[in-house]
Amino acid sequence: MKFILAKKLEMSQVFLPNGTVIPVTLVQAGPCVVTQVKTDEQDGYKAVQLGFLNAKRLTSPMTGHLKDLPKVKILSEFRIADAGELKRGDMIEATTFVAGDEVEVSGTSKGKGFQGVVKRHHFHGHPASHGHKDQLRMPGSIGAGGVQRVFKGVRMAGRMGGETVTVKNLSVVEVREGGILAIKGAVPGARNTILSIQTS
């Protein structure tokens, strides 16, 4: 299993030799340092913790945790069945991936603020004529009144976006110099969003 942390740069496109255009997202993947290898015996589960992006200063707990390691800003862990040869202090580069790898990418989606039901839940709205004044984008009835409460999960207006989203079945199109991966399609978040990338 391959995994790495990355920063979203921008969207672009790649031309294949036959002239086909592939939309891609460019991400700065790594370099990441292994800050901890968790085991069943000590931690109750198996995982590898990675550090990403240089930090100017650290808190006292982070200073102790990263003793003898580079200062990093982001820590994130990947649950894996077997860490293999990995140990604390190892570096993981983008070159571990090759073109054609199937990956899944997780990140925080763009926050859209407080939105109504048409945008948030794709309600089609009310008819625009025949006495429906000021009702076009309203949610309408939310159920019978006999129970005297609103059931959990009823789709209403509210805060939208800013959630962890995972996109699966993406593929690596190119591995460029400087640790830049070109991933086919779109990935969650705005520019500079921190992403977790792992093979499916």
C-alpha atoms as a PDB file:
ATOM      1  CA  MET A   1       0.000   0.000   0.000  1.00  0.00           C
ATOM      2  CA  LYS A   2       1.338   3.436  -0.993  1.00  0.00           C
ATOM      3  CA  PHE A   3       0.378   6.598   0.877  1.00  0.00           C
ATOM      4  CA  ILE A   4       1.513  10.213   1.172  1.00  0.00           C
ATOM      5  CA  LEU A   5       0.352  13.694   2.242  1.00  0.00           C
ATOM      6  CA  ALA A   6       0.046  16.411  -0.381  1.00  0.00           C
ATOM      7  CA  LYS A   7      -0.971  20.029  -0.957  1.00  0.00           C
ATOM      8  CA  LYS A   8      -3.405  20.886  -3.736  1.00  0.00           C
ATOM      9  CA  LEU A   9      -1.884  23.299  -6.256  1.00  0.00           C
ATOM     10  CA  GLU A  10      -4.222  23.795  -9.219  1.00  0.00           C
ATOM     11  CA  MET A  11      -6.110  22.103 -12.033  1.00  0.00           C
ATOM     12  CA  SER A  12      -4.535  21.646 -15.439  1.00  0.00           C
ATOM     13  CA  GLN A  13      -4.687  19.314 -18.421  1.00  0.00           C
ATOM     14  CA  VAL A  14      -2.433  16.712 -20.002  1.00  0.00           C
ATOM     15  CA  PHE A  15      -2.317  15.823 -23.694  1.00  0.00           C
ATOM     16  CA  LEU A  16      -1.789  12.164 -24.564  1.00  0.00           C
ATOM     17  CA  PRO A  17       0.241  11.197 -27.669  1.00  0.00           C
ATOM     18  CA  ASN A  18      -2.998  10.476 -29.546  1.00  0.00           C
ATOM     19  CA  GLY A  19      -4.274  13.997 -28.857  1.00  0.00           C
ATOM     20  CA  THR A  20      -6.723  13.111 -26.050  1.00  0.00           C
ATOM     21  CA  VAL A  21      -6.994  15.771 -23.340  1.00  0.00           C
ATOM     22  CA  ILE A  22      -7.158  14.597 -19.709  1.00  0.00           C
ATOM     23  CA  PRO A  23      -8.175  17.080 -16.974  1.00  0.00           C
ATOM     24  CA  VAL A  24      -5.837  16.695 -14.006  1.00  0.00           C
ATOM     25  CA  THR A  25      -5.258  18.158 -10.562  1.00  0.00           C
ATOM     26  CA  LEU A  26      -1.646  19.008  -9.711  1.00  0.00           C
ATOM     27  CA  VAL A  27      -0.631  18.304  -6.110  1.00  0.00           C
ATOM     28  CA  GLN A  28       2.646  18.783  -4.257  1.00  0.00           C
ATOM     29  CA  ALA A  29       3.133  15.336  -2.739  1.00  0.00           C
ATOM     30  CA  GLY A  30       5.701  15.046   0.037  1.00  0.00           C
ATOM     31  CA  PRO A  31       8.380  14.849   1.045  1.00  0.00           C
ATOM     32  CA  CYS A  32       6.921  13.348   4.224  1.00  0.00           C
ATOM     33  CA  VAL A  33       8.784  12.064   7.249  1.00  0.00           C
ATOM     34  CA  VAL A  34       7.616   9.042   9.252  1.00  0.00           C
ATOM     35  CA  THR A  35       7.101  10.437  12.752  1.00  0.00           C
ATOM     36  CA  GLN A  36       5.664   7.304  14.403  1.00  0.00           C
ATOM     37  CA  VAL A  37       4.898   3.675  13.588  1.00  0.00           C
ATOM     38  CA  LYS A  38       1.985   2.401  15.693  1.00  0.00           C
ATOM     39  CA  THR A  39       1.629  -1.277  16.566  1.00  0.00           C
ATOM     40  CA  ASP A  40      -1.043  -3.555  18.031  1.00  0.00           C
ATOM     41  CA  GLU A  41       1.018  -4.218  21.133  1.00  0.00           C
ATOM     42  CA  GLN A  42       1.675  -0.600  22.047  1.00  0.00           C
ATOM     43  CA  ASP A  43      -1.217   1.360  20.530  1.00  0.00           C
ATOM     44  CA  GLY A  44      -3.959  -1.193  19.920  1.00  0.00           C
ATOM     45  CA  TYR A  45      -3.932  -0.777  16.140  1.00  0.00           C
ATOM     46  CA  LYS A  46      -1.479  -0.555  13.253  1.00  0.00           C
ATOM     47  CA  ALA A  47      -0.802   2.774  11.583  1.00  0.00           C
ATOM     48  CA  VAL A  48       1.962   4.966  10.190  1.00  0.00           C
ATOM     49  CA  GLN A  49       2.039   8.649  11.153  1.00  0.00           C
ATOM     50  CA  LEU A  50       3.482  11.092   8.613  1.00  0.00           C
ATOM     51  CA  GLY A  51       4.670  14.685   9.022  1.00  0.00           C
ATOM     52  CA  PHE A  52       4.361  17.210   6.189  1.00  0.00           C
ATOM     53  CA  LEU A  53       5.361  20.849   5.504  1.00  0.00           C
ATOM     54  CA  ASN A  54       8.113  22.665   7.373  1.00  0.00           C
ATOM     55  CA  ALA A  55       7.124  24.538  10.537  1.00  0.00           C
ATOM     56  CA  LYS A  56       8.857  27.660  11.856  1.00  0.00           C
ATOM     57  CA  ARG A  57       8.145  26.930  15.517  1.00  0.00           C
ATOM     58  CA  LEU A  58       6.628  24.096  17.508  1.00  0.00           C
ATOM     59  CA  THR A  59       4.647  23.738  20.699  1.00  0.00           C
ATOM     60  CA  SER A  60       6.326  21.949  23.589  1.00  0.00           C
ATOM     61  CA  PRO A  61       4.428  18.652  23.068  1.00  0.00           C
ATOM     62  CA  MET A  62       5.292  18.674  19.351  1.00  0.00           C
ATOM     63  CA  THR A  63       8.937  19.437  20.146  1.00  0.00           C
ATOM     64  CA  GLY A  64       9.097  16.315  22.292  1.00  0.00           C
ATOM     65  CA  HIS A  65       7.206  14.184  19.795  1.00  0.00           C
ATOM     66  CA  LEU A  66       9.466  15.278  16.915  1.00  0.00           C
ATOM     67  CA  LYS A  67      12.721  14.979  18.827  1.00  0.00           C
ATOM     68  CA  ASP A  68      15.604  14.339  16.375  1.00  0.00           C
ATOM     69  CA  LEU A  69      13.218  14.806  13.404  1.00  0.00           C
ATOM     70  CA  PRO A  70      12.579  17.768  11.074  1.00  0.00           C
ATOM     71  CA  LYS A  71      10.079  20.387  12.267  1.00  0.00           C
ATOM     72  CA  VAL A  72       6.767  19.672  10.528  1.00  0.00           C
ATOM     73  CA  LYS A  73       3.444  21.502  10.555  1.00  0.00           C
ATOM     74  CA  ILE A  74       0.980  18.721   9.637  1.00  0.00           C
ATOM     75  CA  LEU A  75       0.651  15.274  11.245  1.00  0.00           C
ATOM     76  CA  SER A  76      -1.646  12.614   9.836  1.00  0.00           C
ATOM     77  CA  GLU A  77      -1.778   8.848  10.085  1.00  0.00           C
ATOM     78  CA  PHE A  78      -2.711   6.040   7.719  1.00  0.00           C
ATOM     79  CA  ARG A  79      -4.135   2.771   9.006  1.00  0.00           C
ATOM     80  CA  ILE A  80      -2.295  -0.073   7.320  1.00  0.00           C
ATOM     81  CA  ALA A  81      -2.129  -3.811   7.870  1.00  0.00           C
ATOM     82  CA  ASP A  82       1.658  -3.997   7.653  1.00  0.00           C
ATOM     83  CA  ALA A  83       4.234  -1.201   7.947  1.00  0.00           C
ATOM     84  CA  GLY A  84       6.868  -3.365   6.280  1.00  0.00           C
ATOM     85  CA  GLU A  85      10.335  -1.830   6.403  1.00  0.00           C
ATOM     86  CA  LEU A  86       9.119   1.621   7.484  1.00  0.00           C
ATOM     87  CA  LYS A  87      10.555   3.054  10.672  1.00  0.00           C
ATOM     88  CA  ARG A  88      10.648   6.421  12.452  1.00  0.00           C
ATOM     89  CA  GLY A  89      12.682   8.970  10.512  1.00  0.00           C
ATOM     90  CA  ASP A  90      12.179   7.453   7.035  1.00  0.00           C
ATOM     91  CA  MET A  91      11.285   9.811   4.190  1.00  0.00           C
ATOM     92  CA  ILE A  92       8.431   9.132   1.751  1.00  0.00           C
ATOM     93  CA  GLU A  93       8.667  10.831  -1.645  1.00  0.00           C
ATOM     94  CA  ALA A  94       6.224  11.263  -4.525  1.00  0.00           C
ATOM     95  CA  THR A  95       8.401   8.915  -6.586  1.00  0.00           C
ATOM     96  CA  THR A  96       6.863   5.959  -4.716  1.00  0.00           C
ATOM     97  CA  PHE A  97       3.882   6.454  -7.062  1.00  0.00           C
ATOM     98  CA  VAL A  98       3.992   5.633 -10.764  1.00  0.00           C
ATOM     99  CA  ALA A  99       1.713   6.595 -13.649  1.00  0.00           C
ATOM    100  CA  GLY A 100      -1.316   4.325 -13.686  1.00  0.00           C
ATOM    101  CA  ASP A 101      -1.649   3.872  -9.913  1.00  0.00           C
ATOM    102  CA  GLU A 102      -5.292   3.838  -8.740  1.00  0.00           C
ATOM    103  CA  VAL A 103      -5.629   6.153  -5.729  1.00  0.00           C
ATOM    104  CA  GLU A 104      -8.225   7.610  -3.389  1.00  0.00           C
ATOM    105  CA  VAL A 105      -7.870  11.198  -2.218  1.00  0.00           C
ATOM    106  CA  SER A 106      -9.316  12.653   1.010  1.00  0.00           C
ATOM    107  CA  GLY A 107      -9.511  16.328   1.903  1.00  0.00           C
ATOM    108  CA  THR A 108     -11.738  19.060   3.350  1.00  0.00           C
ATOM    109  CA  SER A 109     -14.270  20.332   0.821  1.00  0.00           C
ATOM    110  CA  LYS A 110     -14.798  24.020   0.132  1.00  0.00           C
ATOM    111  CA  GLY A 111     -16.959  25.716   2.769  1.00  0.00           C
ATOM    112  CA  LYS A 112     -20.074  27.316   1.260  1.00  0.00           C
ATOM    113  CA  GLY A 113     -21.614  28.856   4.364  1.00  0.00           C
ATOM    114  CA  PHE A 114     -25.322  28.741   5.235  1.00  0.00           C
ATOM    115  CA  GLN A 115     -27.270  27.526   2.183  1.00  0.00           C
ATOM    116  CA  GLY A 116     -30.894  26.819   1.377  1.00  0.00           C
ATOM    117  CA  VAL A 117     -32.426  23.491   0.409  1.00  0.00           C
ATOM    118  CA  VAL A 118     -32.206  24.089  -3.356  1.00  0.00           C
ATOM    119  CA  LYS A 119     -28.424  24.370  -3.334  1.00  0.00           C
ATOM    120  CA  ARG A 120     -27.755  22.094  -0.364  1.00  0.00           C
ATOM    121  CA  HIS A 121     -30.116  19.187  -1.123  1.00  0.00           C
ATOM    122  CA  HIS A 122     -31.051  19.840  -4.788  1.00  0.00           C
ATOM    123  CA  PHE A 123     -34.761  20.498  -4.130  1.00  0.00           C
ATOM    124  CA  HIS A 124     -36.382  21.682  -7.366  1.00  0.00           C
ATOM    125  CA  GLY A 125     -38.403  24.409  -5.688  1.00  0.00           C
ATOM    126  CA  HIS A 126     -42.067  25.373  -6.129  1.00  0.00           C
ATOM    127  CA  PRO A 127     -43.853  26.395  -9.330  1.00  0.00           C
ATOM    128  CA  ALA A 128     -43.216  30.015 -10.247  1.00  0.00           C
ATOM    129  CA  SER A 129     -46.847  30.908 -10.964  1.00  0.00           C
ATOM    130  CA  HIS A 130     -50.467  30.358  -9.820  1.00  0.00           C
ATOM    131  CA  GLY A 131     -50.304  31.928  -6.400  1.00  0.00           C
ATOM    132  CA  HIS A 132     -46.881  30.733  -5.247  1.00  0.00           C
ATOM    133  CA  LYS A 133     -45.716  34.157  -4.158  1.00  0.00           C
ATOM    134  CA  ASP A 134     -42.273  34.136  -2.427  1.00  0.00           C
ATOM    135  CA  GLN A 135     -42.291  30.318  -2.318  1.00  0.00           C
ATOM    136  CA  LEU A 136     -39.933  29.459  -5.191  1.00  0.00           C
ATOM    137  CA  ARG A 137     -36.951  28.258  -3.111  1.00  0.00           C
ATOM    138  CA  MET A 138     -38.791  27.308   0.094  1.00  0.00           C
ATOM    139  CA  PRO A 139     -38.512  23.740   1.484  1.00  0.00           C
ATOM    140  CA  GLY A 140     -42.288  23.197   1.792  1.00  0.00           C
ATOM    141  CA  SER A 141     -43.903  20.825   4.293  1.00  0.00           C
ATOM    142  CA  ILE A 142     -41.641  18.750   6.535  1.00  0.00           C
ATOM    143  CA  GLY A 143     -44.241  16.102   7.427  1.00  0.00           C
ATOM    144  CA  ALA A 144     -47.452  15.546   9.345  1.00  0.00           C
ATOM    145  CA  GLY A 145     -47.983  17.508  12.551  1.00  0.00           C
ATOM    146  CA  GLY A 146     -49.198  14.638  14.720  1.00  0.00           C
ATOM    147  CA  VAL A 147     -45.827  13.764  16.225  1.00  0.00           C
ATOM    148  CA  GLN A 148     -45.229  17.379  17.300  1.00  0.00           C
ATOM    149  CA  ARG A 149     -41.530  17.308  16.538  1.00  0.00           C
ATOM    150  CA  VAL A 150     -39.097  17.308  13.657  1.00  0.00           C
ATOM    151  CA  PHE A 151     -37.594  13.916  12.855  1.00  0.00           C
ATOM    152  CA  LYS A 152     -33.813  13.644  12.825  1.00  0.00           C
ATOM    153  CA  GLY A 153     -32.254  13.845   9.387  1.00  0.00           C
ATOM    154  CA  VAL A 154     -34.945  15.987   7.768  1.00  0.00           C
ATOM    155  CA  ARG A 155     -33.287  17.895   4.937  1.00  0.00           C
ATOM    156  CA  MET A 156     -33.306  21.598   5.712  1.00  0.00           C
ATOM    157  CA  ALA A 157     -31.229  24.701   5.147  1.00  0.00           C
ATOM    158  CA  GLY A 158     -27.939  24.816   7.018  1.00  0.00           C
ATOM    159  CA  ARG A 159     -24.200  25.090   6.815  1.00  0.00           C
ATOM    160  CA  MET A 160     -22.795  23.404   3.716  1.00  0.00           C
ATOM    161  CA  GLY A 161     -19.302  22.230   2.821  1.00  0.00           C
ATOM    162  CA  GLY A 162     -16.206  22.158   5.010  1.00  0.00           C
ATOM    163  CA  GLU A 163     -16.495  18.391   5.466  1.00  0.00           C
ATOM    164  CA  THR A 164     -14.047  15.557   4.911  1.00  0.00           C
ATOM    165  CA  VAL A 165     -14.659  14.132   1.436  1.00  0.00           C
ATOM    166  CA  THR A 166     -13.012  11.089  -0.145  1.00  0.00           C
ATOM    167  CA  VAL A 167     -12.902  10.641  -3.925  1.00  0.00           C
ATOM    168  CA  LYS A 168     -12.121   7.107  -5.081  1.00  0.00           C
ATOM    169  CA  ASN A 169     -11.110   5.496  -8.380  1.00  0.00           C
ATOM    170  CA  LEU A 170      -8.756   8.280  -9.449  1.00  0.00           C
ATOM    171  CA  SER A 171      -5.546   7.509 -11.297  1.00  0.00           C
ATOM    172  CA  VAL A 172      -2.068   9.030 -11.365  1.00  0.00           C
ATOM    173  CA  VAL A 173      -1.415  10.354 -14.871  1.00  0.00           C
ATOM    174  CA  GLU A 174       2.125  11.720 -14.377  1.00  0.00           C
ATOM    175  CA  VAL A 175       4.811  11.939 -11.717  1.00  0.00           C
ATOM    176  CA  ARG A 176       6.703  15.182 -12.371  1.00  0.00           C
ATOM    177  CA  GLU A 177       9.951  16.574 -11.043  1.00  0.00           C
ATOM    178  CA  GLY A 178       9.818  18.263  -7.664  1.00  0.00           C
ATOM    179  CA  GLY A 179       7.331  15.780  -6.209  1.00  0.00           C
ATOM    180  CA  ILE A 180       4.323  16.937  -8.232  1.00  0.00           C
ATOM    181  CA  LEU A 181       1.627  14.374  -9.036  1.00  0.00           C
ATOM    182  CA  ALA A 182      -0.901  14.878 -11.832  1.00  0.00           C
ATOM    183  CA  ILE A 183      -4.087  13.088 -10.728  1.00  0.00           C
ATOM    184  CA  LYS A 184      -6.902  12.534 -13.204  1.00  0.00           C
ATOM    185  CA  GLY A 185     -10.056  14.489 -12.373  1.00  0.00           C
ATOM    186  CA  ALA A 186     -10.944  16.763  -9.471  1.00  0.00           C
ATOM    187  CA  VAL A 187     -10.071  16.344  -5.804  1.00  0.00           C
ATOM    188  CA  PRO A 188     -11.736  17.945  -2.740  1.00  0.00           C
ATOM    189  CA  GLY A 189     -10.965  21.406  -1.443  1.00  0.00           C
ATOM    190  CA  ALA A 190      -9.608  24.747  -2.572  1.00  0.00           C
ATOM    191  CA  ARG A 191      -6.004  25.471  -3.488  1.00  0.00           C
ATOM    192  CA  ASN A 192      -3.493  24.738  -0.710  1.00  0.00           C
ATOM    193  CA  THR A 193      -5.828  22.176   0.902  1.00  0.00           C
ATOM    194  CA  ILE A 194      -3.946  19.339   2.616  1.00  0.00           C
ATOM    195  CA  LEU A 195      -4.803  15.977   1.056  1.00  0.00           C
ATOM    196  CA  SER A 196      -4.292  12.342   2.020  1.00  0.00           C
ATOM    197  CA  ILE A 197      -3.469  10.134  -0.954  1.00  0.00           C
ATOM    198  CA  GLN A 198      -3.350   6.354  -0.808  1.00  0.00           C
ATOM    199  CA  THR A 199      -3.620   3.509  -3.276  1.00  0.00           C
ATOM    200  CA  SER A 200      -7.054   1.905  -3.427  1.00  0.00           C
END
